[in-house]
Amino acid sequence: MNDDHQVLLDTLKFHGHCCWASVAGVRVGLAAMRVLGVKRSGGRQLHAFIEIGDDHGGMCFGDGVQYSTGCTLGKGNMEKTLYGKLAVTLIERVTNRAVRVSYKPTLQKQIGASAFMVKRGQGIEPDETPEAEQMELVDLIWNAPESDVLTVEEIFQFKREWFPEVMGFVPCAACHELTARAYLRVLGDKHVCIPCSGYER
């Protein structure tokens, strides 16, 4: 088993079920890293803009990109754009070199006709479908030639100034809960968290 296939298996375990969109995310993430010549981001070496948006059936794509690239919402090196597309722009922060990779619609007819998607359309949860039906879609997306399923654009320079992380937590002077320094607000002569301050942000 090669390293990429292990990334796929680990992603599916992390994601909680096997589906075509998470596999597409893995493929897009791996392709973007290969083109940039970078490795998975254990820290904040990479930054990803995923275009999935919210509240649609393909958001699983985000977990595929997240796991394969190491860019995560929790680390703050992944951001969503609200386009509803299965695409990512991956940036190497030290050089600002970037590439956009998107998933093509070539297999959508086969995906839509699959037993897995028919059941999803009936409201059956993905992890309640037989594993064989889940894996049918995994194999369809994973084994397709890259040129059939991905559009890989040219490397370009991404224009953005990267700000350093603000390190450290301090107890709020009112509720005493740990609060990141950047989120403390001044209330009189005290440093308090946003909820205790009465400010919206």
Protein backbone atom coordinates (compact mmCIF):
# COMPACT_ATOMS: atom_id res chain seq x y z
CA MET A 1 0.00 0.00 0.00
CA ASN A 2 1.43 3.38 -0.96
CA ASP A 3 1.45 6.44 1.30
CA ASP A 4 -1.36 8.20 -0.61
CA HIS A 5 -3.68 5.22 -0.19
CA GLN A 6 -2.94 5.19 3.53
CA VAL A 7 -3.87 8.88 3.66
CA LEU A 8 -7.16 7.97 1.96
CA LEU A 9 -7.93 5.20 4.47
CA ASP A 10 -7.03 7.43 7.43
CA THR A 11 -9.21 10.22 6.03
CA LEU A 12 -12.23 7.95 5.71
CA LYS A 13 -11.76 6.78 9.29
CA PHE A 14 -11.47 10.40 10.47
CA HIS A 15 -14.47 11.46 8.38
CA GLY A 16 -16.75 8.76 9.83
CA HIS A 17 -18.08 7.26 6.60
CA CYS A 18 -16.92 6.54 3.08
CA CYS A 19 -18.23 8.89 0.39
CA TRP A 20 -17.24 10.27 -2.97
CA ALA A 21 -16.84 13.91 -1.86
CA SER A 22 -14.32 13.16 0.89
CA VAL A 23 -12.29 11.08 -1.59
CA ALA A 24 -12.43 13.96 -4.09
CA GLY A 25 -11.08 16.21 -1.33
CA VAL A 26 -8.17 13.86 -0.67
CA ARG A 27 -7.30 13.73 -4.36
CA VAL A 28 -7.47 17.51 -4.71
CA GLY A 29 -5.33 18.04 -1.60
CA LEU A 30 -2.69 15.51 -2.63
CA ALA A 31 -2.51 16.96 -6.15
CA ALA A 32 -2.09 20.51 -4.84
CA MET A 33 0.76 19.47 -2.52
CA ARG A 34 2.46 17.53 -5.32
CA VAL A 35 2.33 20.50 -7.70
CA LEU A 36 3.72 22.88 -5.07
CA GLY A 37 6.35 20.33 -4.00
CA VAL A 38 5.35 20.60 -0.33
CA LYS A 39 4.58 18.13 2.44
CA ARG A 40 1.57 17.94 4.73
CA SER A 41 1.30 20.91 7.08
CA GLY A 42 1.93 19.84 10.66
CA GLY A 43 1.98 23.49 11.71
CA ARG A 44 0.93 26.48 9.66
CA GLN A 45 3.33 26.09 6.72
CA LEU A 46 0.40 25.79 4.32
CA HIS A 47 -2.90 27.66 4.10
CA ALA A 48 -5.99 26.44 2.28
CA PHE A 49 -9.07 28.21 0.99
CA ILE A 50 -11.79 25.62 0.41
CA GLU A 51 -14.70 26.77 -1.70
CA ILE A 52 -17.39 24.42 -0.37
CA GLY A 53 -19.54 26.90 1.53
CA ASP A 54 -22.23 25.56 3.90
CA ASP A 55 -25.34 23.37 3.99
CA HIS A 56 -24.98 21.11 0.97
CA GLY A 57 -24.30 17.43 0.38
CA GLY A 58 -20.72 17.80 -0.82
CA MET A 59 -19.23 19.42 2.27
CA CYS A 60 -17.48 16.11 3.04
CA PHE A 61 -14.95 17.37 0.47
CA GLY A 62 -13.62 19.68 3.18
CA ASP A 63 -12.59 16.79 5.44
CA GLY A 64 -10.69 15.21 2.55
CA VAL A 65 -8.74 18.41 1.94
CA GLN A 66 -8.27 18.98 5.66
CA TYR A 67 -6.84 15.55 6.40
CA SER A 68 -4.67 15.24 3.28
CA THR A 69 -3.05 18.70 3.52
CA GLY A 70 -2.94 19.14 7.29
CA CYS A 71 -4.68 22.50 6.90
CA THR A 72 -7.42 22.56 9.51
CA LEU A 73 -10.10 24.89 10.76
CA GLY A 74 -8.78 24.32 14.29
CA LYS A 75 -5.23 25.45 13.43
CA GLY A 76 -6.65 28.42 11.58
CA ASN A 77 -4.85 27.62 8.33
CA MET A 78 -8.02 26.68 6.48
CA GLU A 79 -10.76 29.10 5.49
CA LYS A 80 -14.07 28.56 3.73
CA THR A 81 -15.27 30.64 0.85
CA LEU A 82 -19.01 30.51 0.24
CA TYR A 83 -18.96 29.41 -3.41
CA GLY A 84 -20.44 25.92 -3.10
CA LYS A 85 -17.64 24.47 -5.25
CA LEU A 86 -15.38 21.46 -4.81
CA ALA A 87 -12.10 23.33 -5.12
CA VAL A 88 -9.18 24.46 -3.03
CA THR A 89 -6.44 27.05 -3.33
CA LEU A 90 -3.40 25.83 -1.43
CA ILE A 91 -0.69 28.32 -0.48
CA GLU A 92 2.85 27.77 0.77
CA ARG A 93 3.10 30.63 3.25
CA VAL A 94 6.88 31.18 3.20
CA THR A 95 6.90 31.80 -0.59
CA ASN A 96 3.21 32.69 -1.22
CA ARG A 97 3.26 30.21 -4.13
CA ALA A 98 -0.26 28.90 -4.64
CA VAL A 99 -2.24 26.54 -6.82
CA ARG A 100 -5.97 26.06 -7.31
CA VAL A 101 -7.26 22.54 -7.90
CA SER A 102 -10.90 21.70 -8.57
CA TYR A 103 -12.90 18.53 -8.98
CA LYS A 104 -14.48 17.94 -12.41
CA PRO A 105 -18.13 16.87 -12.92
CA THR A 106 -17.26 13.96 -15.23
CA LEU A 107 -18.46 11.16 -12.91
CA GLN A 108 -21.57 12.84 -11.50
CA LYS A 109 -24.02 10.72 -13.51
CA GLN A 110 -22.44 7.52 -12.18
CA ILE A 111 -22.29 8.92 -8.66
CA GLY A 112 -25.95 9.98 -8.75
CA ALA A 113 -27.07 6.56 -9.96
CA SER A 114 -25.12 4.65 -7.30
CA ALA A 115 -26.94 2.70 -4.59
CA PHE A 116 -25.26 4.89 -1.97
CA MET A 117 -26.58 8.15 -3.42
CA VAL A 118 -30.05 6.73 -4.08
CA LYS A 119 -30.26 5.87 -0.39
CA ARG A 120 -28.90 9.27 0.61
CA GLY A 121 -31.69 10.82 -1.46
CA GLN A 122 -34.16 8.77 0.60
CA GLY A 123 -32.76 10.29 3.79
CA ILE A 124 -30.68 7.28 4.86
CA GLU A 125 -27.57 8.37 6.75
CA PRO A 126 -24.28 7.60 4.98
CA ASP A 127 -22.90 5.41 7.76
CA GLU A 128 -26.11 3.36 7.70
CA THR A 129 -25.54 2.18 4.11
CA PRO A 130 -23.71 -1.11 3.48
CA GLU A 131 -19.94 -0.72 3.39
CA ALA A 132 -19.79 -2.28 -0.08
CA GLU A 133 -22.02 0.50 -1.42
CA GLN A 134 -19.86 3.14 0.25
CA MET A 135 -16.68 1.59 -1.17
CA GLU A 136 -18.13 1.45 -4.68
CA LEU A 137 -17.99 5.26 -4.78
CA VAL A 138 -14.63 5.44 -3.03
CA ASP A 139 -13.11 3.19 -5.69
CA LEU A 140 -14.82 5.08 -8.53
CA ILE A 141 -13.26 8.41 -7.49
CA TRP A 142 -9.93 7.07 -6.24
CA ASN A 143 -9.15 4.94 -9.30
CA ALA A 144 -10.16 7.47 -11.98
CA PRO A 145 -7.26 9.02 -13.93
CA GLU A 146 -6.35 12.40 -12.46
CA SER A 147 -6.94 14.20 -15.76
CA ASP A 148 -10.52 12.87 -15.81
CA VAL A 149 -11.46 14.18 -12.36
CA LEU A 150 -9.21 17.12 -11.50
CA THR A 151 -8.41 20.50 -12.99
CA VAL A 152 -4.99 21.63 -11.80
CA GLU A 153 -4.28 25.28 -12.57
CA GLU A 154 -0.93 27.02 -12.91
CA ILE A 155 1.10 28.01 -9.86
CA PHE A 156 0.69 31.70 -9.04
CA GLN A 157 1.73 34.23 -6.39
CA PHE A 158 -0.90 34.70 -3.69
CA LYS A 159 -1.01 38.22 -2.31
CA ARG A 160 -1.49 38.21 1.46
CA GLU A 161 0.39 39.36 4.53
CA TRP A 162 0.48 36.58 7.12
CA PHE A 163 0.15 37.72 10.70
CA PRO A 164 1.87 35.79 13.51
CA GLU A 165 -0.12 33.85 16.05
CA VAL A 166 -0.84 35.64 19.32
CA MET A 167 0.32 33.18 21.94
CA GLY A 168 -0.97 32.70 25.46
CA PHE A 169 -4.16 32.51 27.49
CA VAL A 170 -5.19 34.60 30.49
CA PRO A 171 -8.10 34.05 32.90
CA CYS A 172 -10.94 36.49 32.35
CA ALA A 173 -11.06 38.89 35.31
CA ALA A 174 -14.85 38.39 35.58
CA CYS A 175 -15.68 34.72 34.88
CA HIS A 176 -12.11 33.41 35.33
CA GLU A 177 -12.27 31.19 32.22
CA LEU A 178 -9.11 30.91 30.12
CA THR A 179 -9.29 33.34 27.22
CA ALA A 180 -6.84 33.80 24.33
CA ARG A 181 -5.02 37.12 24.71
CA ALA A 182 -6.27 38.42 21.36
CA TYR A 183 -9.86 37.99 22.56
CA LEU A 184 -9.59 39.91 25.82
CA ARG A 185 -11.37 43.25 26.03
CA VAL A 186 -10.76 46.16 28.40
CA LEU A 187 -13.63 46.89 30.76
CA GLY A 188 -12.72 49.65 33.19
CA ASP A 189 -9.37 48.54 34.61
CA LYS A 190 -9.91 44.82 33.92
CA HIS A 191 -9.22 42.48 31.03
CA VAL A 192 -12.29 40.33 30.38
CA CYS A 193 -13.57 37.89 27.78
CA ILE A 194 -15.97 39.03 25.04
CA PRO A 195 -19.16 37.67 26.71
CA CYS A 196 -18.27 39.37 30.00
CA SER A 197 -17.36 42.63 28.24
CA GLY A 198 -20.77 43.14 26.67
CA TYR A 199 -19.13 43.75 23.29
CA GLU A 200 -20.32 41.83 20.26
CA ARG A 201 -16.77 41.10 19.16
